[in-house]
Amino acid sequence: MLAFAARIAGDRARTRIVIDFDRKPSVTVHYMSNPDRIVLDLPAAVFGFDAADLSARGLFKDIRYGSMDAESARIVLTAERPARLVTSEVQPNADGKGFRLVLDAEMVSEAAFRALADGKDWVQPAAAQLGRGDRIMTGSAASDHKYIIAIDAGHGGIDAGATAITSKVPEKDITLSFARKLAERLSREDGIEAFLVRDKDQFLSLSERVVIARQHHADLLISLHADTLRQAGIRGATVYTISDTASDHMAADLAERENLSDAVAGVKADAEPAEVSDILLDLTRRETLAFSVALAKSVVSSLEGQVTLINNPHRFAGFRVLQAHDVPSILLELGFLSNKDDEKLLLDDTWRAHVADLLTDAIKRYRAPMLANGG
């Protein structure tokens, strides 16, 4: 068996590896500690691709491969941080020539990796397993399922975000304060459980935020921000959903700035190989986007007449923090720290509590049809 090509892409939250073989390989996965490694055993193989094509990056600090004996070969992925494979799948190549092994790894906690290395809580990953997207599309969740909402306080740590024009309070503090208020309010509702993606002043990459939401089996992701604009007179809340094409220049500029958050901490964004994009089903993406838009409309409806909204308050652009293919997501700009009136409200605990109530009502209205259908 010949491995004739390889590709790797990703970051410290998610990394994908694709290896092309001339014949269909069988693969067995093991986890080993000290150091943390993901080990893949497969039949005897010749690795004929350039070593640079599979150079370590993202979650992995070292990648080795080669023959074990006349009948077997091994790939050893030494992790930069604890990680697991969420996909280990062999797919036929589109041109009919050979097969490709697709490995999709994501970060996990140290405790979770120890459990994997000890042989506990491990199920061989496979694309055929039902994921979050399958449950979203079918509405087949059990009636006693807790509706889980990820509250993502924008920025954090070295990435302070914007700065309030008068008080000089950084955006990262304002978003975290509001996130705590919103999570507490939502968790008072029967059947709803809200958690903070970032619960302290720490840096999380955009990809890490998405992975954390999915690992907590979030049904919704709400990312909170309070940006600044050059025009101090513009104020009000805005709700954003993801789109390849921005709704306007303002949305495009905001998405570009927010997507640069990783660069502040020196995190390099890396694209995934095009040939593994079919793992994230287009149907799931479309279904999730429809839910995201429905949530955005519910939020706008709830806020309208109660708090100041910007003109055309539902906008869209290519926000990387909203990229989860199976978790409906919105980005909520609470207001603009470049406007003194918005700044005053954003720092007011009574206003925060009022907006948290309005958002809770919006989420309950958005969820009502699902409850009626038994989801």
Protein backbone atom coordinates (compact mmCIF):
# COMPACT_ATOMS: atom_id res chain seq x y z
CA MET A 1 0.00 0.00 0.00
CA LEU A 2 1.32 3.43 -0.99
CA ALA A 3 0.62 6.72 0.79
CA PHE A 4 1.27 9.11 -2.08
CA ALA A 5 0.09 12.52 -0.77
CA ALA A 6 -0.64 14.31 2.50
CA ARG A 7 -2.03 17.63 3.71
CA ILE A 8 -2.46 19.26 7.12
CA ALA A 9 -4.20 22.44 8.21
CA GLY A 10 -5.61 23.93 11.38
CA ASP A 11 -4.79 25.66 14.62
CA ARG A 12 -4.48 24.96 18.36
CA ALA A 13 -8.19 24.20 18.62
CA ARG A 14 -8.79 22.03 15.54
CA THR A 15 -6.45 20.36 13.07
CA ARG A 16 -7.21 18.24 10.04
CA ILE A 17 -4.91 15.75 8.34
CA VAL A 18 -5.60 14.12 4.96
CA ILE A 19 -3.45 11.27 3.62
CA ASP A 20 -4.04 9.71 0.17
CA PHE A 21 -3.51 5.96 -0.35
CA ASP A 22 -3.60 3.87 -3.50
CA ARG A 23 -5.64 1.23 -1.65
CA LYS A 24 -8.21 1.39 1.14
CA PRO A 25 -6.45 1.27 4.54
CA SER A 26 -7.87 -0.08 7.79
CA VAL A 27 -7.03 2.12 10.77
CA THR A 28 -6.99 1.54 14.53
CA VAL A 29 -6.62 4.47 16.93
CA HIS A 30 -4.92 4.46 20.35
CA TYR A 31 -4.06 7.19 22.86
CA MET A 32 -0.85 7.27 24.88
CA SER A 33 0.38 9.57 27.65
CA ASN A 34 3.78 11.03 28.61
CA PRO A 35 3.95 12.57 26.09
CA ASP A 36 0.38 12.85 24.86
CA ARG A 37 0.11 10.99 21.55
CA ILE A 38 -2.53 9.79 19.12
CA VAL A 39 -1.30 6.57 17.52
CA LEU A 40 -2.77 5.12 14.33
CA ASP A 41 -1.96 1.56 13.31
CA LEU A 42 -2.54 0.47 9.70
CA PRO A 43 -1.39 -2.24 7.30
CA ALA A 44 2.09 -2.17 5.80
CA ALA A 45 2.55 1.02 3.82
CA VAL A 46 5.17 2.99 1.94
CA PHE A 47 5.02 6.72 2.68
CA GLY A 48 5.97 8.31 -0.61
CA PHE A 49 5.01 11.95 -0.06
CA ASP A 50 7.35 14.82 0.80
CA ALA A 51 7.92 15.06 4.57
CA ALA A 52 7.22 18.80 4.40
CA ASP A 53 3.65 18.05 3.32
CA LEU A 54 2.92 16.61 6.77
CA SER A 55 5.02 18.92 8.93
CA ALA A 56 3.72 19.37 12.48
CA ARG A 57 1.41 22.31 13.13
CA GLY A 58 -1.76 23.23 14.96
CA LEU A 59 -2.50 20.69 17.70
CA PHE A 60 0.58 18.62 16.90
CA LYS A 61 4.21 19.39 17.67
CA ASP A 62 5.62 16.24 16.08
CA ILE A 63 4.35 13.82 13.43
CA ARG A 64 6.13 10.56 12.67
CA TYR A 65 5.23 7.66 10.40
CA GLY A 66 6.81 4.51 9.02
CA SER A 67 6.86 0.72 8.97
CA MET A 68 6.59 -1.30 12.18
CA ASP A 69 7.30 -4.64 10.50
CA ALA A 70 6.56 -6.43 7.22
CA GLU A 71 2.81 -6.36 7.90
CA SER A 72 2.11 -3.07 9.68
CA ALA A 73 2.82 0.64 9.73
CA ARG A 74 2.17 3.39 12.25
CA ILE A 75 1.47 7.13 12.38
CA VAL A 76 2.25 8.90 15.67
CA LEU A 77 0.81 12.36 16.32
CA THR A 78 2.46 13.97 19.35
CA ALA A 79 0.13 16.60 20.74
CA GLU A 80 1.05 20.18 21.61
CA ARG A 81 -1.93 20.08 24.00
CA PRO A 82 -4.42 17.31 24.87
CA ALA A 83 -6.42 16.37 21.78
CA ARG A 84 -8.69 13.66 20.42
CA LEU A 85 -9.88 12.53 17.01
CA VAL A 86 -13.51 13.37 16.36
CA THR A 87 -13.28 11.91 12.85
CA SER A 88 -11.16 9.06 11.52
CA GLU A 89 -12.67 8.21 8.15
CA VAL A 90 -11.55 6.61 4.92
CA GLN A 91 -13.21 8.09 1.83
CA PRO A 92 -12.86 7.22 -1.87
CA ASN A 93 -11.14 9.94 -3.85
CA ALA A 94 -13.39 11.92 -6.18
CA ASP A 95 -11.33 10.95 -9.25
CA GLY A 96 -11.77 7.25 -8.45
CA LYS A 97 -8.04 6.82 -7.89
CA GLY A 98 -7.38 5.55 -4.40
CA PHE A 99 -8.69 6.56 -1.00
CA ARG A 100 -8.01 9.28 1.50
CA LEU A 101 -7.77 9.01 5.28
CA VAL A 102 -9.32 12.07 6.94
CA LEU A 103 -8.36 12.79 10.55
CA ASP A 104 -10.18 15.60 12.34
CA ALA A 105 -8.65 16.43 15.74
CA GLU A 106 -9.82 18.89 18.37
CA MET A 107 -8.57 20.06 21.75
CA VAL A 108 -9.84 18.40 24.95
CA SER A 109 -9.17 18.80 28.65
CA GLU A 110 -6.32 16.94 30.33
CA ALA A 111 -8.85 14.82 32.22
CA ALA A 112 -10.60 13.85 28.99
CA PHE A 113 -7.32 12.83 27.39
CA ARG A 114 -6.33 10.77 30.44
CA ALA A 115 -9.64 8.91 30.13
CA LEU A 116 -8.90 8.17 26.48
CA ALA A 117 -5.38 7.00 27.25
CA ASP A 118 -6.75 4.75 30.01
CA GLY A 119 -9.24 3.25 27.56
CA LYS A 120 -12.29 4.87 29.14
CA ASP A 121 -15.10 6.78 27.45
CA TRP A 122 -13.76 5.99 23.99
CA VAL A 123 -15.77 5.29 20.87
CA GLN A 124 -14.01 4.86 17.54
CA PRO A 125 -14.85 8.06 15.59
CA ALA A 126 -16.72 7.66 12.34
CA ALA A 127 -18.55 10.00 10.04
CA ALA A 128 -21.61 7.76 10.27
CA GLN A 129 -22.11 8.61 13.92
CA LEU A 130 -24.86 11.14 14.59
CA GLY A 131 -23.53 14.57 15.40
CA ARG A 132 -25.07 17.78 16.68
CA GLY A 133 -26.20 18.71 13.20
CA ASP A 134 -28.25 15.55 12.82
CA ARG A 135 -30.21 16.35 15.97
CA ILE A 136 -30.75 19.95 14.95
CA MET A 137 -32.16 18.99 11.57
CA THR A 138 -34.40 16.15 12.72
CA GLY A 139 -35.67 17.81 15.90
CA SER A 140 -35.34 14.43 17.59
CA ALA A 141 -34.01 15.60 20.93
CA ALA A 142 -35.51 13.94 23.96
CA SER A 143 -38.12 16.00 25.78
CA ASP A 144 -36.00 16.10 28.93
CA HIS A 145 -32.97 17.48 27.09
CA LYS A 146 -31.57 20.63 28.66
CA TYR A 147 -31.46 23.43 26.13
CA ILE A 148 -27.82 24.49 26.34
CA ILE A 149 -26.75 28.03 25.45
CA ALA A 150 -23.13 29.09 25.06
CA ILE A 151 -22.55 32.72 26.06
CA ASP A 152 -19.33 33.94 24.51
CA ALA A 153 -17.85 37.12 25.99
CA GLY A 154 -15.83 38.65 23.16
CA HIS A 155 -12.08 39.27 23.47
CA GLY A 156 -10.14 38.58 26.69
CA GLY A 157 -6.60 38.35 28.02
CA ILE A 158 -4.07 40.04 25.75
CA ASP A 159 -6.92 40.92 23.36
CA ALA A 160 -8.67 43.78 25.18
CA GLY A 161 -10.96 44.70 22.28
CA ALA A 162 -12.27 48.25 22.05
CA THR A 163 -11.96 50.90 24.78
CA ALA A 164 -14.79 53.03 26.17
CA ILE A 165 -14.46 56.65 25.07
CA THR A 166 -14.90 58.19 28.55
CA SER A 167 -14.33 55.56 31.25
CA LYS A 168 -11.58 53.75 29.29
CA VAL A 169 -13.06 50.40 30.37
CA PRO A 170 -11.98 47.71 27.89
CA GLU A 171 -14.51 45.81 25.83
CA LYS A 172 -13.34 42.48 27.27
CA ASP A 173 -14.54 43.52 30.76
CA ILE A 174 -17.88 44.83 29.52
CA THR A 175 -18.68 41.69 27.53
CA LEU A 176 -17.74 39.41 30.43
CA SER A 177 -19.89 41.35 32.90
CA PHE A 178 -22.87 41.17 30.58
CA ALA A 179 -22.22 37.50 29.78
CA ARG A 180 -22.38 36.64 33.47
CA LYS A 181 -25.65 38.54 33.84
CA LEU A 182 -27.19 36.85 30.79
CA ALA A 183 -26.05 33.34 31.73
CA GLU A 184 -27.46 33.75 35.24
CA ARG A 185 -30.78 35.02 33.88
CA LEU A 186 -31.14 32.27 31.29
CA SER A 187 -30.30 29.52 33.77
CA ARG A 188 -33.29 30.55 35.90
CA GLU A 189 -35.58 29.30 33.14
CA ASP A 190 -36.86 25.73 33.29
CA GLY A 191 -35.15 23.48 30.78
CA ILE A 192 -32.41 25.98 29.92
CA GLU A 193 -28.77 25.77 30.91
CA ALA A 194 -26.39 28.59 29.99
CA PHE A 195 -22.61 28.53 30.38
CA LEU A 196 -19.77 30.97 29.77
CA VAL A 197 -17.34 30.12 26.99
CA ARG A 198 -14.89 32.53 28.67
CA ASP A 199 -15.45 32.79 32.43
CA LYS A 200 -12.40 34.92 33.27
CA ASP A 201 -9.95 37.36 31.73
CA GLN A 202 -8.23 34.93 29.38
CA PHE A 203 -7.42 34.80 25.69
CA LEU A 204 -9.30 32.24 23.60
CA SER A 205 -8.84 31.99 19.86
CA LEU A 206 -11.93 32.21 17.69
CA SER A 207 -11.58 28.53 16.82
CA GLU A 208 -11.27 27.57 20.49
CA ARG A 209 -14.54 29.37 21.25
CA VAL A 210 -16.35 27.36 18.57
CA VAL A 211 -14.86 24.07 19.79
CA ILE A 212 -15.78 24.81 23.42
CA ALA A 213 -19.39 25.49 22.43
CA ARG A 214 -19.62 22.25 20.47
CA GLN A 215 -17.94 20.19 23.20
CA HIS A 216 -20.57 21.43 25.65
CA HIS A 217 -23.23 20.30 23.13
CA ALA A 218 -24.53 23.85 22.81
CA ASP A 219 -27.87 24.36 21.09
CA LEU A 220 -27.12 28.07 20.61
CA LEU A 221 -24.07 30.32 20.65
CA ILE A 222 -24.41 34.02 21.45
CA SER A 223 -21.21 36.02 21.02
CA LEU A 224 -21.21 39.39 22.81
CA HIS A 225 -19.33 42.50 21.68
CA ALA A 226 -19.27 46.29 22.13
CA ASP A 227 -17.23 47.82 19.35
CA THR A 228 -16.14 51.36 18.48
CA LEU A 229 -16.74 53.37 15.32
CA ARG A 230 -15.12 56.49 13.91
CA GLN A 231 -18.55 58.14 13.84
CA ALA A 232 -19.28 58.89 17.49
CA GLY A 233 -22.90 59.71 16.72
CA ILE A 234 -23.81 56.15 15.70
CA ARG A 235 -25.28 54.11 18.53
CA GLY A 236 -27.51 51.13 19.25
CA ALA A 237 -27.49 47.35 19.28
CA THR A 238 -26.94 45.18 16.18
CA VAL A 239 -27.49 41.46 15.61
CA TYR A 240 -25.23 39.64 13.15
CA THR A 241 -25.43 36.23 11.50
CA ILE A 242 -22.79 34.58 9.33
CA SER A 243 -22.61 34.96 5.58
CA ASP A 244 -19.94 34.67 2.90
CA THR A 245 -21.06 38.08 1.63
CA ALA A 246 -21.41 41.02 4.01
CA SER A 247 -24.68 42.93 4.13
CA ASP A 248 -22.87 46.30 4.05
CA HIS A 249 -19.48 47.97 4.48
CA MET A 250 -19.98 48.44 8.20
CA ALA A 251 -20.67 44.73 8.72
CA ALA A 252 -17.68 43.81 6.56
CA ASP A 253 -15.35 46.14 8.48
CA LEU A 254 -16.57 44.83 11.84
CA ALA A 255 -16.11 41.19 10.80
CA GLU A 256 -12.61 41.95 9.56
CA ARG A 257 -11.69 43.57 12.89
CA GLU A 258 -13.22 40.79 14.99
CA ASN A 259 -11.57 38.10 12.89
CA LEU A 260 -8.20 39.73 13.59
CA SER A 261 -8.57 39.03 17.33
CA ASP A 262 -6.37 35.95 16.96
CA ALA A 263 -3.59 38.02 15.39
CA VAL A 264 -3.39 40.16 18.55
CA ALA A 265 -2.07 37.11 20.43
CA GLY A 266 0.01 35.87 17.53
CA VAL A 267 -2.37 33.06 16.58
CA LYS A 268 -2.19 32.26 12.89
CA ALA A 269 -5.46 31.39 11.16
CA ASP A 270 -5.16 28.41 8.84
CA ALA A 271 -7.62 27.23 6.23
CA GLU A 272 -8.86 23.65 6.16
CA PRO A 273 -8.07 21.50 3.10
CA ALA A 274 -10.81 21.84 0.51
CA GLU A 275 -11.09 18.07 0.12
CA VAL A 276 -12.39 17.61 3.68
CA SER A 277 -15.04 20.30 3.46
CA ASP A 278 -17.64 17.66 2.62
CA ILE A 279 -17.35 16.41 6.22
CA LEU A 280 -19.30 19.49 7.27
CA LEU A 281 -22.47 18.76 5.39
CA ASP A 282 -23.88 21.59 3.31
CA LEU A 283 -27.38 20.58 4.31
CA THR A 284 -26.48 20.99 7.98
CA ARG A 285 -24.95 24.38 7.29
CA ARG A 286 -28.09 25.60 5.54
CA GLU A 287 -30.33 24.30 8.28
CA THR A 288 -28.18 25.88 10.97
CA LEU A 289 -28.11 29.22 9.15
CA ALA A 290 -31.89 29.20 8.92
CA PHE A 291 -32.08 28.71 12.69
CA SER A 292 -29.50 31.47 13.23
CA VAL A 293 -31.52 33.91 11.14
CA ALA A 294 -34.70 32.97 13.02
CA LEU A 295 -32.93 33.63 16.33
CA ALA A 296 -31.61 36.99 15.06
CA LYS A 297 -35.10 38.05 14.03
CA SER A 298 -36.50 37.05 17.42
CA VAL A 299 -33.79 39.06 19.21
CA VAL A 300 -34.44 42.15 17.07
CA SER A 301 -38.16 41.84 17.70
CA SER A 302 -37.60 41.60 21.45
CA LEU A 303 -35.22 44.57 21.61
CA GLU A 304 -37.23 46.80 19.28
CA GLY A 305 -38.92 49.62 21.18
CA GLN A 306 -37.15 48.62 24.40
CA VAL A 307 -33.54 49.57 23.66
CA THR A 308 -31.91 51.65 20.96
CA LEU A 309 -31.16 49.72 17.78
CA ILE A 310 -29.00 50.72 14.85
CA ASN A 311 -30.67 51.17 11.44
CA ASN A 312 -31.21 47.77 9.80
CA PRO A 313 -30.38 45.98 13.08
CA HIS A 314 -30.04 42.48 11.55
CA ARG A 315 -26.88 42.39 9.45
CA PHE A 316 -24.51 39.68 8.31
CA ALA A 317 -20.86 39.07 7.47
CA GLY A 318 -18.16 36.39 7.65
CA PHE A 319 -17.56 36.19 11.40
CA ARG A 320 -15.29 33.25 12.21
CA VAL A 321 -16.75 32.88 15.72
CA LEU A 322 -20.11 32.04 14.10
CA GLN A 323 -18.70 29.28 11.87
CA ALA A 324 -19.96 26.19 13.75
CA HIS A 325 -21.79 24.25 11.05
CA ASP A 326 -24.26 22.67 13.48
CA VAL A 327 -24.77 25.28 16.24
CA PRO A 328 -27.09 28.21 15.45
CA SER A 329 -25.10 31.33 16.31
CA ILE A 330 -25.47 35.09 16.46
CA LEU A 331 -23.09 37.92 17.30
CA LEU A 332 -24.73 40.66 19.35
CA GLU A 333 -23.18 44.12 19.35
CA LEU A 334 -24.67 45.51 22.55
CA GLY A 335 -23.76 49.08 21.60
CA PHE A 336 -20.81 51.24 20.65
CA LEU A 337 -18.16 52.28 23.16
CA SER A 338 -17.38 55.22 20.87
CA ASN A 339 -20.76 56.73 21.79
CA LYS A 340 -21.11 58.28 25.26
CA ASP A 341 -24.79 57.37 25.60
CA ASP A 342 -24.17 53.73 24.70
CA GLU A 343 -21.15 53.62 26.99
CA LYS A 344 -23.22 54.83 29.94
CA LEU A 345 -25.82 52.11 29.37
CA LEU A 346 -23.27 49.37 28.85
CA LEU A 347 -21.81 50.13 32.28
CA ASP A 348 -25.21 50.29 33.98
CA ASP A 349 -26.22 47.10 35.81
CA THR A 350 -29.94 47.90 35.64
CA TRP A 351 -29.75 48.24 31.85
CA ARG A 352 -27.82 44.97 31.61
CA ALA A 353 -30.50 43.17 33.62
CA HIS A 354 -33.24 44.62 31.39
CA VAL A 355 -31.48 43.52 28.20
CA ALA A 356 -30.85 40.08 29.69
CA ASP A 357 -34.60 39.78 30.31
CA LEU A 358 -35.35 40.80 26.72
CA LEU A 359 -32.87 38.30 25.30
CA THR A 360 -34.31 35.55 27.47
CA ASP A 361 -37.78 36.32 26.11
CA ALA A 362 -36.40 36.26 22.56
CA ILE A 363 -34.79 32.85 23.07
CA LYS A 364 -37.96 31.44 24.61
CA ARG A 365 -39.99 32.63 21.59
CA TYR A 366 -37.41 31.20 19.21
CA ARG A 367 -37.49 27.88 21.04
CA ALA A 368 -41.28 27.65 21.38
CA PRO A 369 -41.93 25.95 17.98
CA MET A 370 -39.32 23.29 18.81
CA LEU A 371 -41.00 22.55 22.14
CA ALA A 372 -44.35 22.32 20.38
CA ASN A 373 -42.85 19.72 18.04
CA GLY A 374 -41.39 17.75 20.93
CA GLY A 375 -37.79 18.90 20.33
